[in-house]
Amino acid sequence: MVLAMLILASAGSAAFIAAAPFVLGAVGFTSGGIVAGSVAAKMMGTAAAASGGGVAAGSMVALLQSAGAAGLSAAASTAVGVGGALVGAAIAR
């Protein structure tokens, strides 16, 4: 049971890290900017309306766009990997 949990946690971590750039691109956070009409564009519009017209630095939209444009930082990769490991471990239960 413990070995299966370790294997699935490792696989989940690797899968989430590998999939993150594709998922970001699929929802509209790309290296060329936010894609018009995408989920990302809707998020940006909502964030801008909530903050009085601009997207605040450090907001979720800003962080996701940064990751979509430049890739995941070490901290973001760690967080995504931990999330994948938790999902993998939960599946093993």
PDB file of N, CA and C in Angstrom:
ATOM      1  N   MET A   1       0.828  -1.196   0.000  1.00  0.00           N
ATOM      2  CA  MET A   1       0.000   0.000   0.000  1.00  0.00           C
ATOM      3  C   MET A   1       0.875   1.263   0.000  1.00  0.00           C
ATOM      4  N   VAL A   2       1.914   1.275   0.825  1.00  0.00           N
ATOM      5  CA  VAL A   2       2.779   2.448   0.899  1.00  0.00           C
ATOM      6  C   VAL A   2       3.547   2.627  -0.410  1.00  0.00           C
ATOM      7  N   LEU A   3       4.008   1.515  -0.980  1.00  0.00           N
ATOM      8  CA  LEU A   3       4.738   1.595  -2.245  1.00  0.00           C
ATOM      9  C   LEU A   3       3.835   2.121  -3.355  1.00  0.00           C
ATOM     10  N   ALA A   4       2.612   1.643  -3.407  1.00  0.00           N
ATOM     11  CA  ALA A   4       1.661   2.122  -4.423  1.00  0.00           C
ATOM     12  C   ALA A   4       1.403   3.612  -4.241  1.00  0.00           C
ATOM     13  N   MET A   5       1.285   4.053  -3.001  1.00  0.00           N
ATOM     14  CA  MET A   5       1.050   5.473  -2.747  1.00  0.00           C
ATOM     15  C   MET A   5       2.248   6.316  -3.193  1.00  0.00           C
ATOM     16  N   LEU A   6       3.450   5.852  -2.911  1.00  0.00           N
ATOM     17  CA  LEU A   6       4.648   6.574  -3.335  1.00  0.00           C
ATOM     18  C   LEU A   6       4.755   6.645  -4.854  1.00  0.00           C
ATOM     19  N   ILE A   7       4.455   5.546  -5.517  1.00  0.00           N
ATOM     20  CA  ILE A   7       4.520   5.513  -6.980  1.00  0.00           C
ATOM     21  C   ILE A   7       3.487   6.452  -7.583  1.00  0.00           C
ATOM     22  N   LEU A   8       2.246   6.383  -7.096  1.00  0.00           N
ATOM     23  CA  LEU A   8       1.196   7.244  -7.644  1.00  0.00           C
ATOM     24  C   LEU A   8       1.415   8.708  -7.290  1.00  0.00           C
ATOM     25  N   ALA A   9       1.957   8.987  -6.121  1.00  0.00           N
ATOM     26  CA  ALA A   9       2.260  10.374  -5.758  1.00  0.00           C
ATOM     27  C   ALA A   9       3.350  10.931  -6.671  1.00  0.00           C
ATOM     28  N   SER A  10       4.370  10.140  -6.947  1.00  0.00           N
ATOM     29  CA  SER A  10       5.439  10.575  -7.849  1.00  0.00           C
ATOM     30  C   SER A  10       4.917  10.773  -9.267  1.00  0.00           C
ATOM     31  N   ALA A  11       4.102   9.846  -9.722  1.00  0.00           N
ATOM     32  CA  ALA A  11       3.535   9.958 -11.075  1.00  0.00           C
ATOM     33  C   ALA A  11       2.620  11.172 -11.176  1.00  0.00           C
ATOM     34  N   GLY A  12       1.825  11.404 -10.144  1.00  0.00           N
ATOM     35  CA  GLY A  12       0.938  12.570 -10.153  1.00  0.00           C
ATOM     36  C   GLY A  12       1.718  13.869 -10.183  1.00  0.00           C
ATOM     37  N   SER A  13       2.780  13.922  -9.420  1.00  0.00           N
ATOM     38  CA  SER A  13       3.622  15.116  -9.393  1.00  0.00           C
ATOM     39  C   SER A  13       4.221  15.385 -10.768  1.00  0.00           C
ATOM     40  N   ALA A  14       4.798  14.381 -11.369  1.00  0.00           N
ATOM     41  CA  ALA A  14       5.410  14.533 -12.689  1.00  0.00           C
ATOM     42  C   ALA A  14       4.373  14.904 -13.744  1.00  0.00           C
ATOM     43  N   ALA A  15       3.215  14.272 -13.689  1.00  0.00           N
ATOM     44  CA  ALA A  15       2.168  14.544 -14.679  1.00  0.00           C
ATOM     45  C   ALA A  15       1.662  15.978 -14.574  1.00  0.00           C
ATOM     46  N   PHE A  16       1.447  16.456 -13.368  1.00  0.00           N
ATOM     47  CA  PHE A  16       0.951  17.824 -13.187  1.00  0.00           C
ATOM     48  C   PHE A  16       1.972  18.845 -13.684  1.00  0.00           C
ATOM     49  N   ILE A  17       3.240  18.628 -13.371  1.00  0.00           N
ATOM     50  CA  ILE A  17       4.281  19.562 -13.809  1.00  0.00           C
ATOM     51  C   ILE A  17       4.384  19.560 -15.337  1.00  0.00           C
ATOM     52  N   ALA A  18       4.322  18.376 -15.938  1.00  0.00           N
ATOM     53  CA  ALA A  18       4.413  18.289 -17.395  1.00  0.00           C
ATOM     54  C   ALA A  18       3.190  18.909 -18.078  1.00  0.00           C
ATOM     55  N   ALA A  19       2.023  18.776 -17.476  1.00  0.00           N
ATOM     56  CA  ALA A  19       0.789  19.255 -18.094  1.00  0.00           C
ATOM     57  C   ALA A  19       0.557  20.753 -17.907  1.00  0.00           C
ATOM     58  N   ALA A  20       1.161  21.348 -16.911  1.00  0.00           N
ATOM     59  CA  ALA A  20       0.887  22.748 -16.579  1.00  0.00           C
ATOM     60  C   ALA A  20       1.025  23.711 -17.758  1.00  0.00           C
ATOM     61  N   PRO A  21       2.106  23.666 -18.532  1.00  0.00           N
ATOM     62  CA  PRO A  21       2.216  24.601 -19.659  1.00  0.00           C
ATOM     63  C   PRO A  21       1.112  24.413 -20.699  1.00  0.00           C
ATOM     64  N   PHE A  22       0.710  23.179 -20.936  1.00  0.00           N
ATOM     65  CA  PHE A  22      -0.345  22.903 -21.911  1.00  0.00           C
ATOM     66  C   PHE A  22      -1.706  23.395 -21.411  1.00  0.00           C
ATOM     67  N   VAL A  23      -1.952  23.208 -20.120  1.00  0.00           N
ATOM     68  CA  VAL A  23      -3.210  23.667 -19.534  1.00  0.00           C
ATOM     69  C   VAL A  23      -3.276  25.197 -19.564  1.00  0.00           C
ATOM     70  N   LEU A  24      -2.181  25.853 -19.205  1.00  0.00           N
ATOM     71  CA  LEU A  24      -2.152  27.326 -19.253  1.00  0.00           C
ATOM     72  C   LEU A  24      -2.443  27.828 -20.659  1.00  0.00           C
ATOM     73  N   GLY A  25      -1.822  27.226 -21.653  1.00  0.00           N
ATOM     74  CA  GLY A  25      -2.056  27.613 -23.036  1.00  0.00           C
ATOM     75  C   GLY A  25      -3.483  27.336 -23.482  1.00  0.00           C
ATOM     76  N   ALA A  26      -4.031  26.217 -23.044  1.00  0.00           N
ATOM     77  CA  ALA A  26      -5.390  25.836 -23.440  1.00  0.00           C
ATOM     78  C   ALA A  26      -6.442  26.802 -22.916  1.00  0.00           C
ATOM     79  N   VAL A  27      -6.196  27.391 -21.757  1.00  0.00           N
ATOM     80  CA  VAL A  27      -7.175  28.338 -21.205  1.00  0.00           C
ATOM     81  C   VAL A  27      -6.886  29.776 -21.621  1.00  0.00           C
ATOM     82  N   GLY A  28      -5.773  29.990 -22.364  1.00  0.00           N
ATOM     83  CA  GLY A  28      -5.529  31.305 -22.946  1.00  0.00           C
ATOM     84  C   GLY A  28      -4.366  32.101 -22.404  1.00  0.00           C
ATOM     85  N   PHE A  29      -3.574  31.543 -21.498  1.00  0.00           N
ATOM     86  CA  PHE A  29      -2.387  32.226 -20.992  1.00  0.00           C
ATOM     87  C   PHE A  29      -1.200  31.769 -21.839  1.00  0.00           C
ATOM     88  N   THR A  30      -0.788  32.582 -22.822  1.00  0.00           N
ATOM     89  CA  THR A  30       0.251  32.164 -23.764  1.00  0.00           C
ATOM     90  C   THR A  30       1.441  33.121 -23.742  1.00  0.00           C
ATOM     91  N   SER A  31       2.485  32.723 -24.427  1.00  0.00           N
ATOM     92  CA  SER A  31       3.680  33.570 -24.497  1.00  0.00           C
ATOM     93  C   SER A  31       3.410  34.850 -25.275  1.00  0.00           C
ATOM     94  N   GLY A  32       2.380  34.850 -26.109  1.00  0.00           N
ATOM     95  CA  GLY A  32       2.019  36.047 -26.867  1.00  0.00           C
ATOM     96  C   GLY A  32       1.012  36.927 -26.157  1.00  0.00           C
ATOM     97  N   GLY A  33       0.637  36.567 -24.949  1.00  0.00           N
ATOM     98  CA  GLY A  33      -0.356  37.331 -24.198  1.00  0.00           C
ATOM     99  C   GLY A  33      -1.628  36.524 -24.015  1.00  0.00           C
ATOM    100  N   ILE A  34      -2.621  37.167 -23.455  1.00  0.00           N
ATOM    101  CA  ILE A  34      -3.899  36.513 -23.206  1.00  0.00           C
ATOM    102  C   ILE A  34      -4.687  36.455 -24.511  1.00  0.00           C
ATOM    103  N   VAL A  35      -5.219  35.290 -24.825  1.00  0.00           N
ATOM    104  CA  VAL A  35      -5.950  35.060 -26.066  1.00  0.00           C
ATOM    105  C   VAL A  35      -7.366  35.629 -25.938  1.00  0.00           C
ATOM    106  N   ALA A  36      -7.751  36.427 -26.925  1.00  0.00           N
ATOM    107  CA  ALA A  36      -9.089  37.033 -26.932  1.00  0.00           C
ATOM    108  C   ALA A  36     -10.163  35.956 -26.921  1.00  0.00           C
ATOM    109  N   GLY A  37     -11.198  36.162 -26.114  1.00  0.00           N
ATOM    110  CA  GLY A  37     -12.328  35.248 -26.042  1.00  0.00           C
ATOM    111  C   GLY A  37     -12.094  33.998 -25.215  1.00  0.00           C
ATOM    112  N   SER A  38     -10.939  33.873 -24.613  1.00  0.00           N
ATOM    113  CA  SER A  38     -10.604  32.680 -23.830  1.00  0.00           C
ATOM    114  C   SER A  38     -11.052  32.811 -22.380  1.00  0.00           C
ATOM    115  N   VAL A  39     -10.903  31.726 -21.654  1.00  0.00           N
ATOM    116  CA  VAL A  39     -11.155  31.742 -20.213  1.00  0.00           C
ATOM    117  C   VAL A  39     -10.248  32.782 -19.553  1.00  0.00           C
ATOM    118  N   ALA A  40      -9.001  32.850 -19.996  1.00  0.00           N
ATOM    119  CA  ALA A  40      -8.056  33.821 -19.445  1.00  0.00           C
ATOM    120  C   ALA A  40      -8.544  35.249 -19.673  1.00  0.00           C
ATOM    121  N   ALA A  41      -9.104  35.519 -20.844  1.00  0.00           N
ATOM    122  CA  ALA A  41      -9.615  36.859 -21.140  1.00  0.00           C
ATOM    123  C   ALA A  41     -10.792  37.209 -20.232  1.00  0.00           C
ATOM    124  N   LYS A  42     -11.642  36.231 -19.963  1.00  0.00           N
ATOM    125  CA  LYS A  42     -12.771  36.467 -19.054  1.00  0.00           C
ATOM    126  C   LYS A  42     -12.267  36.727 -17.635  1.00  0.00           C
ATOM    127  N   MET A  43     -11.258  35.962 -17.231  1.00  0.00           N
ATOM    128  CA  MET A  43     -10.668  36.183 -15.907  1.00  0.00           C
ATOM    129  C   MET A  43     -10.058  37.574 -15.814  1.00  0.00           C
ATOM    130  N   MET A  44      -9.355  37.981 -16.874  1.00  0.00           N
ATOM    131  CA  MET A  44      -8.726  39.296 -16.885  1.00  0.00           C
ATOM    132  C   MET A  44      -9.785  40.389 -16.808  1.00  0.00           C
ATOM    133  N   GLY A  45     -10.869  40.253 -17.548  1.00  0.00           N
ATOM    134  CA  GLY A  45     -11.937  41.243 -17.502  1.00  0.00           C
ATOM    135  C   GLY A  45     -12.559  41.355 -16.127  1.00  0.00           C
ATOM    136  N   THR A  46     -12.783  40.234 -15.494  1.00  0.00           N
ATOM    137  CA  THR A  46     -13.359  40.230 -14.141  1.00  0.00           C
ATOM    138  C   THR A  46     -12.404  40.878 -13.145  1.00  0.00           C
ATOM    139  N   ALA A  47     -11.113  40.521 -13.240  1.00  0.00           N
ATOM    140  CA  ALA A  47     -10.111  41.095 -12.329  1.00  0.00           C
ATOM    141  C   ALA A  47      -9.983  42.594 -12.539  1.00  0.00           C
ATOM    142  N   ALA A  48     -10.010  43.030 -13.792  1.00  0.00           N
ATOM    143  CA  ALA A  48      -9.893  44.461 -14.086  1.00  0.00           C
ATOM    144  C   ALA A  48     -11.101  45.224 -13.547  1.00  0.00           C
ATOM    145  N   ALA A  49     -12.283  44.667 -13.718  1.00  0.00           N
ATOM    146  CA  ALA A  49     -13.494  45.328 -13.217  1.00  0.00           C
ATOM    147  C   ALA A  49     -13.472  45.419 -11.691  1.00  0.00           C
ATOM    148  N   ALA A  50     -12.977  44.388 -11.045  1.00  0.00           N
ATOM    149  CA  ALA A  50     -12.942  44.361  -9.586  1.00  0.00           C
ATOM    150  C   ALA A  50     -11.933  45.343  -9.009  1.00  0.00           C
ATOM    151  N   SER A  51     -10.875  45.630  -9.774  1.00  0.00           N
ATOM    152  CA  SER A  51      -9.841  46.519  -9.237  1.00  0.00           C
ATOM    153  C   SER A  51      -9.885  47.915  -9.846  1.00  0.00           C
ATOM    154  N   GLY A  52     -10.960  48.234 -10.513  1.00  0.00           N
ATOM    155  CA  GLY A  52     -11.123  49.589 -11.021  1.00  0.00           C
ATOM    156  C   GLY A  52     -10.507  49.847 -12.384  1.00  0.00           C
ATOM    157  N   GLY A  53     -10.296  48.811 -13.176  1.00  0.00           N
ATOM    158  CA  GLY A  53      -9.851  49.026 -14.542  1.00  0.00           C
ATOM    159  C   GLY A  53      -8.544  48.396 -14.940  1.00  0.00           C
ATOM    160  N   GLY A  54      -7.735  47.976 -14.007  1.00  0.00           N
ATOM    161  CA  GLY A  54      -6.460  47.347 -14.341  1.00  0.00           C
ATOM    162  C   GLY A  54      -6.307  46.041 -13.599  1.00  0.00           C
ATOM    163  N   VAL A  55      -5.434  45.207 -14.073  1.00  0.00           N
ATOM    164  CA  VAL A  55      -5.152  43.949 -13.388  1.00  0.00           C
ATOM    165  C   VAL A  55      -4.003  44.206 -12.416  1.00  0.00           C
ATOM    166  N   ALA A  56      -4.245  43.951 -11.157  1.00  0.00           N
ATOM    167  CA  ALA A  56      -3.257  44.229 -10.118  1.00  0.00           C
ATOM    168  C   ALA A  56      -2.054  43.296 -10.226  1.00  0.00           C
ATOM    169  N   ALA A  57      -0.872  43.851 -10.055  1.00  0.00           N
ATOM    170  CA  ALA A  57       0.346  43.041 -10.010  1.00  0.00           C
ATOM    171  C   ALA A  57       0.234  42.064  -8.847  1.00  0.00           C
ATOM    172  N   GLY A  58       0.624  40.835  -9.087  1.00  0.00           N
ATOM    173  CA  GLY A  58       0.567  39.820  -8.046  1.00  0.00           C
ATOM    174  C   GLY A  58      -0.769  39.113  -7.947  1.00  0.00           C
ATOM    175  N   SER A  59      -1.748  39.537  -8.761  1.00  0.00           N
ATOM    176  CA  SER A  59      -3.052  38.872  -8.742  1.00  0.00           C
ATOM    177  C   SER A  59      -2.936  37.511  -9.425  1.00  0.00           C
ATOM    178  N   MET A  60      -3.955  36.689  -9.261  1.00  0.00           N
ATOM    179  CA  MET A  60      -3.939  35.361  -9.866  1.00  0.00           C
ATOM    180  C   MET A  60      -3.800  35.453 -11.381  1.00  0.00           C
ATOM    181  N   VAL A  61      -4.506  36.392 -12.002  1.00  0.00           N
ATOM    182  CA  VAL A  61      -4.414  36.555 -13.456  1.00  0.00           C
ATOM    183  C   VAL A  61      -2.989  36.939 -13.854  1.00  0.00           C
ATOM    184  N   ALA A  62      -2.382  37.843 -13.130  1.00  0.00           N
ATOM    185  CA  ALA A  62      -1.013  38.261 -13.435  1.00  0.00           C
ATOM    186  C   ALA A  62      -0.034  37.103 -13.269  1.00  0.00           C
ATOM    187  N   LEU A  63      -0.194  36.325 -12.218  1.00  0.00           N
ATOM    188  CA  LEU A  63       0.704  35.187 -11.980  1.00  0.00           C
ATOM    189  C   LEU A  63       0.538  34.118 -13.057  1.00  0.00           C
ATOM    190  N   LEU A  64      -0.702  33.832 -13.434  1.00  0.00           N
ATOM    191  CA  LEU A  64      -0.943  32.833 -14.466  1.00  0.00           C
ATOM    192  C   LEU A  64      -0.410  33.292 -15.824  1.00  0.00           C
ATOM    193  N   GLN A  65      -0.576  34.587 -16.134  1.00  0.00           N
ATOM    194  CA  GLN A  65      -0.047  35.092 -17.396  1.00  0.00           C
ATOM    195  C   GLN A  65       1.474  35.037 -17.410  1.00  0.00           C
ATOM    196  N   SER A  66       2.083  35.341 -16.294  1.00  0.00           N
ATOM    197  CA  SER A  66       3.537  35.252 -16.198  1.00  0.00           C
ATOM    198  C   SER A  66       4.003  33.814 -16.443  1.00  0.00           C
ATOM    199  N   ALA A  67       3.310  32.860 -15.841  1.00  0.00           N
ATOM    200  CA  ALA A  67       3.659  31.451 -16.036  1.00  0.00           C
ATOM    201  C   ALA A  67       3.399  31.026 -17.474  1.00  0.00           C
ATOM    202  N   GLY A  68       2.328  31.524 -18.075  1.00  0.00           N
ATOM    203  CA  GLY A  68       2.040  31.192 -19.467  1.00  0.00           C
ATOM    204  C   GLY A  68       3.069  31.763 -20.414  1.00  0.00           C
ATOM    205  N   ALA A  69       3.587  32.926 -20.089  1.00  0.00           N
ATOM    206  CA  ALA A  69       4.557  33.593 -20.958  1.00  0.00           C
ATOM    207  C   ALA A  69       5.977  33.064 -20.765  1.00  0.00           C
ATOM    208  N   ALA A  70       6.375  32.863 -19.529  1.00  0.00           N
ATOM    209  CA  ALA A  70       7.773  32.530 -19.245  1.00  0.00           C
ATOM    210  C   ALA A  70       7.980  31.129 -18.691  1.00  0.00           C
ATOM    211  N   GLY A  71       6.904  30.402 -18.415  1.00  0.00           N
ATOM    212  CA  GLY A  71       7.032  29.086 -17.801  1.00  0.00           C
ATOM    213  C   GLY A  71       6.901  29.191 -16.288  1.00  0.00           C
ATOM    214  N   LEU A  72       6.820  28.051 -15.664  1.00  0.00           N
ATOM    215  CA  LEU A  72       6.652  28.014 -14.213  1.00  0.00           C
ATOM    216  C   LEU A  72       7.957  28.341 -13.509  1.00  0.00           C
ATOM    217  N   SER A  73       7.861  29.145 -12.468  1.00  0.00           N
ATOM    218  CA  SER A  73       9.027  29.399 -11.621  1.00  0.00           C
ATOM    219  C   SER A  73       9.289  28.148 -10.776  1.00  0.00           C
ATOM    220  N   ALA A  74      10.390  28.133 -10.079  1.00  0.00           N
ATOM    221  CA  ALA A  74      10.707  26.997  -9.211  1.00  0.00           C
ATOM    222  C   ALA A  74       9.640  26.830  -8.139  1.00  0.00           C
ATOM    223  N   ALA A  75       9.184  27.937  -7.570  1.00  0.00           N
ATOM    224  CA  ALA A  75       8.152  27.867  -6.529  1.00  0.00           C
ATOM    225  C   ALA A  75       6.835  27.355  -7.107  1.00  0.00           C
ATOM    226  N   ALA A  76       6.480  27.828  -8.307  1.00  0.00           N
ATOM    227  CA  ALA A  76       5.237  27.375  -8.934  1.00  0.00           C
ATOM    228  C   ALA A  76       5.333  25.900  -9.311  1.00  0.00           C
ATOM    229  N   SER A  77       6.486  25.473  -9.807  1.00  0.00           N
ATOM    230  CA  SER A  77       6.672  24.055 -10.134  1.00  0.00           C
ATOM    231  C   SER A  77       6.531  23.192  -8.889  1.00  0.00           C
ATOM    232  N   THR A  78       7.071  23.670  -7.784  1.00  0.00           N
ATOM    233  CA  THR A  78       6.950  22.938  -6.523  1.00  0.00           C
ATOM    234  C   THR A  78       5.496  22.830  -6.098  1.00  0.00           C
ATOM    235  N   ALA A  79       4.771  23.938  -6.172  1.00  0.00           N
ATOM    236  CA  ALA A  79       3.364  23.924  -5.770  1.00  0.00           C
ATOM    237  C   ALA A  79       2.538  22.997  -6.662  1.00  0.00           C
ATOM    238  N   VAL A  80       2.760  23.077  -7.965  1.00  0.00           N
ATOM    239  CA  VAL A  80       2.036  22.211  -8.905  1.00  0.00           C
ATOM    240  C   VAL A  80       2.399  20.746  -8.652  1.00  0.00           C
ATOM    241  N   GLY A  81       3.675  20.482  -8.419  1.00  0.00           N
ATOM    242  CA  GLY A  81       4.117  19.118  -8.131  1.00  0.00           C
ATOM    243  C   GLY A  81       3.517  18.556  -6.857  1.00  0.00           C
ATOM    244  N   VAL A  82       3.446  19.380  -5.830  1.00  0.00           N
ATOM    245  CA  VAL A  82       2.828  18.944  -4.572  1.00  0.00           C
ATOM    246  C   VAL A  82       1.350  18.640  -4.796  1.00  0.00           C
ATOM    247  N   GLY A  83       0.681  19.488  -5.568  1.00  0.00           N
ATOM    248  CA  GLY A  83      -0.729  19.227  -5.877  1.00  0.00           C
ATOM    249  C   GLY A  83      -0.904  17.899  -6.593  1.00  0.00           C
ATOM    250  N   GLY A  84      -0.042  17.633  -7.561  1.00  0.00           N
ATOM    251  CA  GLY A  84      -0.111  16.360  -8.273  1.00  0.00           C
ATOM    252  C   GLY A  84       0.187  15.175  -7.375  1.00  0.00           C
ATOM    253  N   ALA A  85       1.141  15.347  -6.477  1.00  0.00           N
ATOM    254  CA  ALA A  85       1.469  14.272  -5.535  1.00  0.00           C
ATOM    255  C   ALA A  85       0.291  13.981  -4.608  1.00  0.00           C
ATOM    256  N   LEU A  86      -0.400  15.027  -4.172  1.00  0.00           N
ATOM    257  CA  LEU A  86      -1.568  14.827  -3.310  1.00  0.00           C
ATOM    258  C   LEU A  86      -2.680  14.092  -4.035  1.00  0.00           C
ATOM    259  N   VAL A  87      -2.896  14.449  -5.299  1.00  0.00           N
ATOM    260  CA  VAL A  87      -3.918  13.755  -6.098  1.00  0.00           C
ATOM    261  C   VAL A  87      -3.521  12.298  -6.290  1.00  0.00           C
ATOM    262  N   GLY A  88      -2.255  12.046  -6.638  1.00  0.00           N
ATOM    263  CA  GLY A  88      -1.791  10.676  -6.817  1.00  0.00           C
ATOM    264  C   GLY A  88      -1.922   9.849  -5.546  1.00  0.00           C
ATOM    265  N   ALA A  89      -1.567  10.441  -4.414  1.00  0.00           N
ATOM    266  CA  ALA A  89      -1.681   9.741  -3.135  1.00  0.00           C
ATOM    267  C   ALA A  89      -3.135   9.460  -2.787  1.00  0.00           C
ATOM    268  N   ALA A  90      -4.010  10.401  -3.105  1.00  0.00           N
ATOM    269  CA  ALA A  90      -5.434  10.200  -2.832  1.00  0.00           C
ATOM    270  C   ALA A  90      -6.004   9.062  -3.674  1.00  0.00           C
ATOM    271  N   ILE A  91      -5.541   8.962  -4.900  1.00  0.00           N
ATOM    272  CA  ILE A  91      -6.001   7.878  -5.777  1.00  0.00           C
ATOM    273  C   ILE A  91      -5.561   6.523  -5.223  1.00  0.00           C
ATOM    274  N   ALA A  92      -4.381   6.491  -4.626  1.00  0.00           N
ATOM    275  CA  ALA A  92      -3.850   5.247  -4.085  1.00  0.00           C
ATOM    276  C   ALA A  92      -4.609   4.761  -2.859  1.00  0.00           C
ATOM    277  N   ARG A  93      -5.304   5.662  -2.208  1.00  0.00           N
ATOM    278  CA  ARG A  93      -6.032   5.285  -0.994  1.00  0.00           C
ATOM    279  C   ARG A  93      -7.188   4.449  -1.400  1.00  0.00           C
TER     280      ARG A  93
END
